[in-house]
Protein backbone atom coordinates (compact mmCIF):
# COMPACT_ATOMS: atom_id res chain seq x y z
CA MET A 1 -21.31 -79.92 -68.09
CA ALA A 2 -18.88 -81.55 -70.47
CA GLU A 3 -16.68 -83.54 -68.14
CA GLY A 4 -17.33 -85.61 -65.12
CA GLY A 5 -20.18 -83.76 -63.41
CA LYS A 6 -23.89 -83.70 -63.01
CA LYS A 7 -23.95 -80.05 -61.96
CA SER A 8 -25.94 -77.59 -63.98
CA THR A 9 -24.06 -74.99 -65.98
CA SER A 10 -24.73 -72.26 -63.48
CA ASP A 11 -23.41 -74.34 -60.59
CA VAL A 12 -20.11 -75.52 -62.01
CA ARG A 13 -17.11 -73.90 -60.37
CA VAL A 14 -14.54 -72.72 -62.90
CA VAL A 15 -11.27 -71.05 -61.85
CA ILE A 16 -9.12 -69.39 -64.53
CA CYS A 17 -5.48 -68.92 -63.60
CA GLY A 18 -4.30 -65.74 -65.32
CA GLY A 19 -5.86 -62.31 -65.87
CA GLY A 20 -4.47 -61.55 -69.29
CA ILE A 21 -6.49 -61.23 -72.45
CA ILE A 22 -6.74 -65.03 -72.93
CA GLY A 23 -7.98 -65.73 -69.41
CA VAL A 24 -10.38 -62.78 -69.47
CA SER A 25 -11.71 -63.80 -72.92
CA ILE A 26 -12.44 -67.31 -71.58
CA ALA A 27 -14.29 -65.81 -68.59
CA TYR A 28 -16.17 -63.44 -70.88
CA TYR A 29 -17.49 -66.16 -73.18
CA LEU A 30 -18.18 -68.52 -70.29
CA ALA A 31 -20.34 -65.79 -68.78
CA GLU A 32 -22.18 -65.58 -72.09
CA LYS A 33 -23.02 -69.26 -71.59
CA GLY A 34 -24.20 -68.83 -68.03
CA VAL A 35 -20.98 -69.76 -66.22
CA ALA A 36 -19.53 -67.18 -63.77
CA ALA A 37 -15.88 -68.11 -63.45
CA THR A 38 -13.33 -66.87 -60.93
CA ILE A 39 -10.15 -65.31 -62.35
CA ILE A 40 -7.01 -65.44 -60.24
CA GLU A 41 -4.38 -62.85 -61.16
CA ARG A 42 -1.06 -62.32 -59.40
CA ARG A 43 -0.64 -58.64 -60.04
CA SER A 44 -3.36 -56.83 -62.02
CA VAL A 45 -5.48 -57.55 -65.12
CA ALA A 46 -3.55 -57.15 -68.38
CA CYS A 47 -0.40 -56.18 -66.49
CA ALA A 48 2.00 -58.09 -68.81
CA ALA A 49 1.88 -58.76 -72.55
CA SER A 50 -1.89 -58.22 -72.68
CA GLY A 51 -1.37 -54.62 -71.64
CA ARG A 52 1.86 -53.86 -73.48
CA ALA A 53 1.36 -55.47 -76.90
CA GLY A 54 0.80 -53.49 -80.05
CA GLY A 55 -2.70 -54.83 -80.75
CA PHE A 56 -2.23 -55.44 -84.47
CA LEU A 57 -4.91 -57.62 -86.10
CA ALA A 58 -4.55 -59.39 -89.42
CA LYS A 59 -7.25 -61.44 -91.08
CA ASN A 60 -5.25 -63.62 -93.46
CA TRP A 61 -1.61 -63.51 -92.40
CA CYS A 62 -1.80 -66.94 -90.80
CA ASP A 63 -3.46 -68.69 -93.75
CA HIS A 64 -0.30 -70.68 -94.40
CA ASN A 65 -0.36 -72.50 -91.04
CA GLU A 66 -2.63 -73.99 -88.40
CA LEU A 67 -3.65 -70.62 -87.10
CA GLY A 68 -5.39 -69.58 -90.31
CA HIS A 69 -8.96 -70.56 -89.39
CA LEU A 70 -8.57 -69.17 -85.87
CA ALA A 71 -7.23 -65.85 -87.16
CA ARG A 72 -9.94 -65.34 -89.75
CA LYS A 73 -12.74 -66.05 -87.25
CA SER A 74 -11.16 -64.00 -84.46
CA PHE A 75 -10.60 -61.00 -86.80
CA GLU A 76 -14.35 -60.86 -87.35
CA MET A 77 -14.99 -61.31 -83.64
CA HIS A 78 -12.90 -58.25 -82.90
CA LYS A 79 -15.22 -56.29 -85.16
CA GLU A 80 -18.20 -57.59 -83.21
CA LEU A 81 -16.62 -56.67 -79.89
CA ALA A 82 -15.89 -53.16 -81.19
CA GLU A 83 -19.51 -52.76 -82.18
CA LYS A 84 -20.64 -53.98 -78.75
CA PHE A 85 -18.28 -51.91 -76.59
CA GLY A 86 -17.85 -48.95 -78.96
CA ALA A 87 -14.76 -48.73 -81.13
CA SER A 88 -13.53 -45.58 -79.37
CA LYS A 89 -13.63 -47.26 -75.96
CA ILE A 90 -11.14 -49.92 -77.03
CA ASP A 91 -9.28 -47.90 -79.71
CA TYR A 92 -10.36 -50.25 -82.48
CA ARG A 93 -10.00 -49.15 -86.09
CA LEU A 94 -9.16 -50.51 -89.52
CA LEU A 95 -5.71 -49.95 -90.92
CA ASP A 96 -3.64 -49.70 -94.06
CA THR A 97 -0.48 -51.73 -93.58
CA PHE A 98 2.86 -51.36 -95.37
CA GLN A 99 6.13 -53.18 -95.84
CA VAL A 100 8.97 -50.67 -95.77
CA ASP A 101 12.46 -51.64 -96.81
CA SER A 102 15.24 -49.25 -95.94
CA LEU A 103 19.02 -48.99 -96.12
CA GLU A 104 21.24 -47.07 -93.70
CA GLY A 105 22.53 -43.96 -95.37
CA PHE A 106 20.33 -44.28 -98.48
CA HIS A 107 18.43 -41.30 -99.82
CA SER A 108 15.74 -41.23 -102.47
CA ASP A 109 13.89 -38.22 -103.91
CA SER A 110 10.97 -40.39 -104.98
CA ASP A 111 7.79 -40.19 -102.97
CA SER A 112 5.97 -42.85 -105.03
CA GLY A 113 3.82 -45.05 -102.86
CA LYS A 114 5.13 -43.68 -99.60
CA PRO A 115 2.90 -42.54 -96.75
CA ASP A 116 3.51 -38.84 -96.17
CA TRP A 117 5.23 -39.39 -92.79
CA ILE A 118 7.86 -41.75 -94.28
CA ASP A 119 10.59 -39.52 -95.65
CA GLY A 120 13.89 -41.25 -94.85
CA CYS A 121 16.26 -43.86 -96.21
CA VAL A 122 13.57 -45.98 -97.84
CA THR A 123 14.32 -48.19 -100.81
CA SER A 124 10.83 -49.55 -101.33
CA VAL A 125 7.28 -49.54 -99.98
CA ALA A 126 4.69 -52.25 -100.59
CA THR A 127 1.15 -52.70 -99.37
CA LEU A 128 0.70 -55.68 -96.97
CA GLY A 129 -2.88 -55.07 -96.02
CA ASN A 130 -5.78 -52.70 -96.24
CA THR A 131 -8.89 -51.84 -94.21
CA SER A 132 -10.53 -55.16 -95.17
CA THR A 133 -7.66 -57.29 -93.85
CA THR A 134 -5.82 -55.36 -91.12
CA ALA A 135 -6.95 -53.53 -88.01
CA GLN A 136 -5.81 -52.58 -84.51
CA VAL A 137 -7.15 -52.59 -80.95
CA HIS A 138 -5.77 -51.37 -77.67
CA PRO A 139 -5.24 -54.68 -75.83
CA TYR A 140 -5.29 -53.24 -72.32
CA LYS A 141 -8.55 -51.41 -72.98
CA LEU A 142 -10.12 -54.42 -74.67
CA THR A 143 -9.20 -56.76 -71.87
CA HIS A 144 -10.73 -54.43 -69.26
CA ALA A 145 -13.88 -53.87 -71.35
CA MET A 146 -14.42 -57.63 -71.56
CA LEU A 147 -13.75 -58.08 -67.83
CA GLU A 148 -16.17 -55.25 -66.96
CA GLU A 149 -18.93 -56.90 -69.02
CA ALA A 150 -18.17 -60.35 -67.57
CA GLN A 151 -18.23 -59.05 -64.00
CA LYS A 152 -21.80 -57.82 -64.59
CA LYS A 153 -22.69 -61.48 -65.13
CA GLY A 154 -21.02 -62.68 -61.93
CA VAL A 155 -17.42 -63.26 -62.86
CA LYS A 156 -15.09 -62.68 -59.88
CA LEU A 157 -11.51 -61.45 -59.79
CA ILE A 158 -9.14 -62.54 -57.00
CA LYS A 159 -5.64 -61.21 -56.57
CA GLY A 160 -3.19 -63.93 -55.68
CA ALA A 161 -0.23 -66.03 -56.87
CA VAL A 162 -1.23 -69.49 -58.02
CA GLU A 163 1.19 -72.06 -56.57
CA GLY A 164 -0.45 -75.40 -57.22
CA ILE A 165 -3.50 -77.53 -57.81
CA LYS A 166 -5.40 -79.61 -55.33
CA SER A 167 -6.61 -82.87 -56.82
CA THR A 168 -7.60 -86.41 -55.93
CA HIS A 169 -5.01 -89.18 -55.77
CA ASP A 170 -6.64 -91.26 -58.49
CA LYS A 171 -4.69 -92.68 -61.43
CA ARG A 172 -6.26 -89.87 -63.39
CA PRO A 173 -6.52 -87.10 -60.76
CA LYS A 174 -9.64 -84.95 -60.58
CA VAL A 175 -9.18 -81.22 -59.97
CA GLN A 176 -10.60 -80.05 -56.64
CA GLY A 177 -9.13 -76.63 -56.11
CA VAL A 178 -6.41 -74.03 -56.80
CA LYS A 179 -3.74 -73.30 -54.22
CA ILE A 180 -2.91 -69.65 -53.60
CA ALA A 181 0.24 -68.35 -51.94
CA ASP A 182 -0.24 -67.19 -48.32
CA GLN A 183 -3.76 -68.66 -48.24
CA GLU A 184 -4.45 -71.72 -46.11
CA GLU A 185 -7.37 -73.19 -48.06
CA PRO A 186 -7.39 -73.72 -51.83
CA ILE A 187 -10.10 -72.05 -53.88
CA PRO A 188 -12.50 -74.92 -54.66
CA CYS A 189 -13.34 -75.70 -58.24
CA ASP A 190 -14.54 -78.36 -60.60
CA ILE A 191 -12.61 -77.02 -63.55
CA VAL A 192 -9.31 -75.12 -63.74
CA VAL A 193 -7.98 -73.31 -66.83
CA ILE A 194 -4.34 -72.48 -67.10
CA ALA A 195 -3.97 -69.17 -68.99
CA MET A 196 -0.92 -67.55 -67.47
CA GLY A 197 0.92 -66.71 -70.62
CA PRO A 198 4.62 -67.64 -70.36
CA TRP A 199 4.16 -68.37 -66.64
CA SER A 200 1.98 -71.32 -67.67
CA HIS A 201 5.25 -73.31 -67.64
CA MET A 202 4.63 -73.72 -63.87
CA ALA A 203 1.68 -75.97 -64.64
CA SER A 204 4.03 -78.67 -66.00
CA GLN A 205 4.82 -79.29 -62.28
CA TRP A 206 1.15 -79.78 -61.52
CA PHE A 207 -0.01 -81.95 -64.47
CA ALA A 208 1.75 -84.97 -65.95
CA ARG A 209 3.12 -84.75 -69.50
CA LEU A 210 2.18 -81.11 -69.97
CA PRO A 211 4.52 -79.36 -72.40
CA LYS A 212 6.39 -76.28 -71.13
CA VAL A 213 5.92 -72.89 -72.78
CA LYS A 214 8.75 -70.37 -72.69
CA GLY A 215 8.83 -66.60 -72.88
CA HIS A 216 10.28 -64.35 -75.61
CA ARG A 217 10.89 -60.75 -74.64
CA ALA A 218 9.64 -58.00 -76.94
CA HIS A 219 10.59 -54.36 -76.47
CA SER A 220 8.45 -51.37 -77.21
CA ILE A 221 8.40 -47.60 -76.92
CA MET A 222 5.64 -45.09 -77.20
CA VAL A 223 6.25 -41.70 -78.89
CA LYS A 224 3.85 -38.83 -79.64
CA PRO A 225 4.59 -36.69 -82.70
CA PRO A 226 3.30 -33.10 -82.78
CA THR A 227 0.49 -34.05 -85.23
CA PRO A 228 -1.36 -37.39 -85.37
CA PHE A 229 -0.36 -39.93 -87.98
CA PRO A 230 -2.89 -41.71 -90.25
CA ALA A 231 -4.30 -45.14 -89.50
CA HIS A 232 -1.19 -46.97 -90.65
CA ALA A 233 0.88 -49.91 -89.57
CA CYS A 234 4.38 -50.44 -90.97
CA PHE A 235 6.65 -53.47 -90.92
CA ILE A 236 10.26 -52.36 -91.43
CA GLU A 237 13.22 -54.24 -92.86
CA HIS A 238 16.16 -51.89 -92.10
CA ARG A 239 19.53 -53.00 -93.44
CA LEU A 240 22.58 -51.54 -91.70
CA LYS A 241 25.88 -50.84 -93.49
CA ASN A 242 27.38 -53.87 -91.71
CA GLY A 243 24.75 -56.12 -93.32
CA ILE A 244 22.70 -56.70 -90.21
CA THR A 245 18.94 -56.33 -90.67
CA ARG A 246 16.59 -54.89 -88.01
CA SER A 247 12.84 -55.38 -88.23
CA PRO A 248 10.90 -52.92 -86.02
CA GLU A 249 7.14 -52.54 -86.30
CA ILE A 250 5.22 -49.23 -86.15
CA TYR A 251 1.56 -48.90 -85.13
CA CYS A 252 -0.05 -45.46 -85.27
CA ARG A 253 -2.78 -45.26 -82.63
CA PRO A 254 -6.00 -43.21 -82.64
CA ASP A 255 -4.90 -41.12 -79.62
CA GLY A 256 -1.95 -39.71 -81.55
CA GLU A 257 0.62 -41.95 -79.94
CA VAL A 258 2.82 -44.24 -82.08
CA TYR A 259 3.74 -47.67 -80.76
CA ILE A 260 7.11 -48.96 -81.91
CA CYS A 261 8.34 -52.45 -81.13
CA GLY A 262 11.10 -54.88 -82.05
CA LEU A 263 14.60 -56.05 -81.11
CA GLY A 264 13.32 -59.00 -79.13
CA ASP A 265 15.59 -61.25 -77.08
CA ASP A 266 15.45 -64.28 -74.77
CA PRO A 267 16.58 -63.51 -71.24
CA GLU A 268 15.30 -65.70 -68.38
CA LEU A 269 11.66 -65.17 -67.54
CA PRO A 270 11.30 -63.51 -64.12
CA ASP A 271 9.12 -65.36 -61.63
CA ASN A 272 7.04 -62.22 -61.03
CA PRO A 273 5.55 -60.09 -63.81
CA GLU A 274 6.48 -57.01 -61.80
CA ASP A 275 10.12 -57.81 -62.44
CA VAL A 276 9.82 -57.70 -66.27
CA LYS A 277 12.00 -54.77 -67.40
CA PRO A 278 13.17 -53.58 -70.86
CA ASP A 279 16.83 -53.50 -71.79
CA PRO A 280 17.87 -49.95 -70.89
CA GLU A 281 19.43 -49.18 -74.29
CA THR A 282 16.87 -50.78 -76.58
CA GLY A 283 14.39 -47.92 -76.58
CA GLU A 284 16.91 -45.46 -78.03
CA LYS A 285 17.99 -48.11 -80.59
CA LEU A 286 14.41 -48.51 -81.75
CA LEU A 287 13.93 -44.77 -82.04
CA GLY A 288 17.19 -44.47 -83.94
CA ILE A 289 16.11 -47.02 -86.50
CA VAL A 290 12.66 -45.52 -87.14
CA GLY A 291 14.22 -42.06 -87.09
CA GLU A 292 16.06 -42.97 -90.29
CA ILE A 293 12.74 -43.81 -91.87
CA SER A 294 10.63 -40.96 -90.52
CA THR A 295 11.98 -37.58 -89.51
CA LYS A 296 8.83 -36.89 -87.43
CA LEU A 297 9.29 -40.08 -85.44
CA GLY A 298 13.01 -39.51 -84.99
CA GLN A 299 12.32 -36.07 -83.49
CA ALA A 300 9.59 -37.27 -81.14
CA ASP A 301 10.32 -37.81 -77.46
CA ILE A 302 9.95 -41.28 -75.94
CA GLN A 303 6.91 -41.23 -73.70
CA ARG A 304 7.31 -44.74 -72.29
CA LYS A 305 9.61 -47.70 -72.60
CA SER A 306 8.23 -51.18 -72.02
CA ALA A 307 8.90 -54.88 -72.41
CA CYS A 308 6.81 -58.02 -72.18
CA PHE A 309 7.26 -61.75 -72.58
CA TYR A 310 4.92 -63.52 -74.91
CA PRO A 311 4.41 -67.24 -74.58
CA VAL A 312 5.81 -69.70 -77.11
CA SER A 313 5.06 -73.41 -77.14
CA PRO A 314 7.68 -76.10 -78.02
CA ASP A 315 6.42 -76.28 -81.62
CA GLY A 316 5.30 -72.65 -81.94
CA THR A 317 1.59 -73.56 -82.06
CA PRO A 318 -0.72 -72.61 -79.21
CA LEU A 319 -1.85 -75.05 -76.51
CA ILE A 320 -5.65 -74.83 -76.44
CA GLY A 321 -7.74 -77.65 -74.97
CA LYS A 322 -8.01 -80.30 -72.28
CA ILE A 323 -5.09 -81.46 -70.18
CA THR A 324 -6.10 -85.08 -70.55
CA THR A 325 -3.90 -86.41 -67.71
CA ALA A 326 -6.30 -84.82 -65.20
CA GLU A 327 -10.05 -84.53 -65.04
CA GLY A 328 -11.30 -80.95 -65.10
CA ALA A 329 -8.02 -79.41 -66.32
CA TYR A 330 -7.70 -77.15 -69.37
CA ILE A 331 -5.04 -74.90 -70.83
CA ALA A 332 -4.93 -71.92 -73.26
CA THR A 333 -1.49 -70.40 -73.88
CA GLY A 334 1.38 -70.27 -76.33
CA HIS A 335 -0.18 -67.82 -78.78
CA SER A 336 3.14 -66.06 -79.37
CA CYS A 337 2.77 -62.65 -81.10
CA TRP A 338 -0.82 -63.48 -82.19
CA GLY A 339 -2.30 -63.62 -78.71
CA ILE A 340 -4.30 -60.39 -79.01
CA LEU A 341 -5.66 -61.38 -82.42
CA ASN A 342 -6.69 -64.88 -81.38
CA ALA A 343 -7.97 -64.13 -77.87
CA PRO A 344 -11.71 -63.85 -78.76
CA VAL A 345 -11.89 -67.12 -80.71
CA THR A 346 -9.79 -68.86 -78.06
CA GLY A 347 -12.13 -67.65 -75.32
CA ALA A 348 -15.27 -68.68 -77.22
CA ALA A 349 -13.85 -72.10 -78.20
CA MET A 350 -12.71 -72.83 -74.62
CA ALA A 351 -16.15 -71.86 -73.32
CA GLU A 352 -17.74 -74.29 -75.74
CA LEU A 353 -15.27 -77.04 -74.81
CA ILE A 354 -15.90 -76.60 -71.11
CA VAL A 355 -19.67 -76.28 -71.27
CA ASP A 356 -20.62 -78.37 -74.34
CA GLY A 357 -17.82 -80.84 -74.46
CA GLN A 358 -16.49 -79.71 -77.81
CA ALA A 359 -15.82 -76.48 -79.67
CA SER A 360 -17.97 -75.75 -82.67
CA ILE A 361 -16.78 -72.25 -83.49
CA VAL A 362 -13.39 -73.65 -84.61
CA ASP A 363 -11.68 -77.05 -84.64
CA LEU A 364 -9.24 -77.23 -81.76
CA LYS A 365 -7.74 -80.66 -82.64
CA GLU A 366 -4.46 -79.18 -83.95
CA PHE A 367 -3.99 -77.22 -80.69
CA SER A 368 -4.54 -80.03 -78.23
CA PRO A 369 -1.64 -80.54 -75.74
CA LYS A 370 -1.78 -84.25 -76.41
CA ARG A 371 -0.30 -83.74 -79.88
CA PHE A 372 3.12 -83.75 -78.20
CA TRP A 373 2.52 -87.19 -76.70
CA GLU A 374 1.34 -88.53 -80.03
CA MET A 375 4.63 -87.28 -81.53
CA GLY A 376 6.61 -88.85 -78.71
CA TRP A 377 7.90 -85.57 -77.35
CA TYR A 378 6.59 -86.15 -73.80
């Protein structure tokens, strides 16, 4: 193993705190390398953002920042996972993606360049991506498919609320176990991975100089028009008469449902994922906006309203790597709205880092938590 142990790969005890797509991806790729990790999840697998996100995948939309090489690799890995599990099982498919600009009260008779289902107050439509650069997956179904496969290789799932870490009292503590609420004895481990999405902020109490992530709430609704829409995604810039611009996103899914999200805000993150609720009025507001763009969407009934908090790091870049103030401690969180896209590459890179001592699939240097210390933030 990479850090501090003489144990063979199959004997090392890895505990992953968090049963979202990041934690499950790490367990999946560790299992591929012969390590059967234990996942601890407070509520249920993919119960938060990993089960409520849109699942949009873009190959080259992050090329302008540090995420570019992660996104490109992970986009291809999603294709490989779809081939392995079956695209229909995880609702994976390639998409055409559009930018739609609209103005409240505007009407145009021109249909030039518009998808057939867009018939409202649209001022312009542009192509943002095609089937070579954009795709979608159902994040809940993907997370469970990966977990199912990992469990065949010995990965265990434990329900419980993580409340601390047991470690030695050395100057650089060594991880010994994970403390679970209402359980007398910690779960013993040699390695712990913090992958609790926005709730990873709790780990800053357990490890010295660990940056805190925060949560940003995203709202979504699901509607089902009478007839299925094509394999399209749309990013809307809707300008109201008062000058305010709203930016909902529309993802047409293979099962005929349409996922609509937007109007995010920043309320306090609840301690328990079960307490995450949408703003009661936001669903109707979202439907009202997209209804001005598409008559069919505006006439559809809302099937479900939802909300989730996605994790954001202090500098907006994910935390992926070793927690160097403790031996045997790792973290993977802060992926913001690109968590579903970058989950496979994060899982594979973390598995390499844990087992081999370094990641070869992608360079993780830019994502190390210690970058904040080097900048003097912590």
